[in-house]
Protein backbone atom coordinates (compact mmCIF):
# COMPACT_ATOMS: atom_id res chain seq x y z
CA MET A 1 76.66 109.12 84.75
CA ASN A 2 77.86 111.94 86.93
CA THR A 3 81.37 112.58 88.22
CA GLU A 4 80.73 110.91 91.58
CA ASP A 5 79.55 107.74 89.86
CA LYS A 6 82.61 107.70 87.61
CA ASP A 7 84.90 108.25 90.62
CA TRP A 8 83.25 105.34 92.43
CA LEU A 9 83.59 103.14 89.38
CA MET A 10 87.25 104.10 88.95
CA ARG A 11 87.90 103.13 92.58
CA GLN A 12 86.29 99.72 91.95
CA VAL A 13 88.40 99.12 88.85
CA ARG A 14 91.53 100.36 90.63
CA ALA A 15 90.96 97.92 93.50
CA PHE A 16 90.42 95.09 91.04
CA ALA A 17 93.53 96.03 89.04
CA THR A 18 95.68 96.41 92.14
CA GLY A 19 94.52 93.08 93.51
CA LEU A 20 95.47 91.17 90.38
CA GLY A 21 98.45 93.25 89.38
CA ALA A 22 100.26 92.18 86.24
CA LEU A 23 97.67 89.56 85.29
CA LEU A 24 95.32 92.13 83.82
CA SER A 25 94.90 93.63 80.41
CA ARG A 26 92.68 96.42 79.20
CA ASP A 27 90.25 93.84 77.82
CA SER A 28 90.03 91.92 81.08
CA LEU A 29 89.23 95.13 82.97
CA ARG A 30 86.58 96.03 80.39
CA ASP A 31 85.12 92.51 80.78
CA PHE A 32 85.03 93.03 84.55
CA LEU A 33 83.05 96.24 84.08
CA GLU A 34 80.59 94.57 81.76
CA TYR A 35 80.26 91.54 84.05
CA LYS A 36 79.32 93.88 86.89
CA HIS A 37 76.80 95.54 84.53
CA TYR A 38 78.55 98.89 84.63
CA ASP A 39 78.62 101.18 81.64
CA SER A 40 82.12 100.36 80.48
CA ALA A 41 82.11 103.27 78.01
CA ILE A 42 82.39 105.69 80.94
CA ILE A 43 86.01 104.68 81.47
CA THR A 44 88.33 105.25 78.54
CA ASP A 45 91.05 102.93 77.33
CA ASP A 46 93.57 105.55 78.45
CA ASP A 47 92.10 105.38 81.98
CA LEU A 48 92.42 101.59 81.96
CA ASP A 49 95.99 101.76 80.65
CA ALA A 50 96.87 104.20 83.45
CA LEU A 51 95.35 101.89 86.07
CA ILE A 52 97.22 98.87 84.74
CA VAL A 53 100.65 100.50 84.63
CA TYR A 54 100.08 102.04 88.06
CA ALA A 55 99.04 98.64 89.52
CA GLN A 56 102.22 97.06 88.17
CA PHE A 57 104.31 100.01 89.41
CA GLN A 58 102.75 99.89 92.86
CA ARG A 59 103.22 96.14 93.12
CA LEU A 60 106.93 96.43 92.31
CA ALA A 61 107.37 99.31 94.77
CA GLU A 62 105.72 97.25 97.53
CA ALA A 63 107.79 94.17 96.68
CA ARG A 64 110.97 96.21 96.98
CA GLN A 65 109.65 97.96 100.11
CA LEU A 66 110.49 101.39 98.74
CA SER A 67 109.60 104.42 100.83
CA ALA A 68 107.62 107.20 99.20
CA ALA A 69 110.75 109.35 99.00
CA ASP A 70 112.83 106.55 97.49
CA LEU A 71 110.12 105.73 94.97
CA ALA A 72 109.81 109.37 93.94
CA ALA A 73 113.58 109.64 93.51
CA ALA A 74 113.87 106.38 91.57
CA SER A 75 110.92 107.03 89.26
CA GLY A 76 111.25 110.79 88.80
CA ILE A 77 107.60 111.28 89.75
CA ALA A 78 106.82 113.87 92.43
CA ALA A 79 105.95 112.43 95.85
CA ASP A 80 102.67 114.38 96.01
CA ARG A 81 101.58 112.88 92.67
CA LEU A 82 102.46 109.38 93.90
CA ALA A 83 100.37 110.03 97.02
CA ALA A 84 97.44 111.15 94.86
CA PHE A 85 97.63 107.92 92.84
CA THR A 86 97.68 105.87 96.03
CA LYS A 87 94.67 107.74 97.42
CA GLY A 88 92.86 107.30 94.12
CA THR A 89 92.38 111.03 93.60
CA ALA A 90 94.41 111.17 90.38
CA LEU A 91 95.48 109.04 87.46
CA PRO A 92 98.98 109.13 86.01
CA THR A 93 99.41 111.40 83.02
CA THR A 94 100.88 109.99 79.82
CA ALA A 95 104.32 111.28 80.82
CA GLU A 96 104.00 109.75 84.30
CA GLN A 97 102.89 106.45 82.79
CA ARG A 98 105.99 106.52 80.61
CA GLN A 99 108.14 107.14 83.71
CA MET A 100 106.45 104.25 85.49
CA GLN A 101 107.00 101.96 82.53
CA GLU A 102 110.66 102.95 82.35
CA PHE A 103 110.98 102.18 86.06
CA LEU A 104 109.36 98.77 85.48
CA ASP A 105 111.54 98.05 82.45
CA HIS A 106 114.70 99.05 84.32
CA ALA A 107 113.74 96.81 87.25
CA ALA A 108 113.30 93.86 84.89
CA GLU A 109 116.87 94.19 83.54
């Protein structure tokens, strides 16, 4: 599968993950890929983990109606990186995922 196919598939999984938010796990996303007859090996577990934490992060940000600037300040993630996640042109790095998780954990307290 070429890069364009993987990008398309990642957008499909991202839309699915964003739509269901916190209800998803890595296994449920992998099941979705297999149900749709996609080659689920193309997307790594790390990719799926990044999509899940971002979906949860995005859902909380929308619920709190945070502006891009406020979200960047509160999470410590650069605004341009947040914009890239929203556009689907990038996935959070491990460090950014950790920052997102800390933001989520802090919000739950």
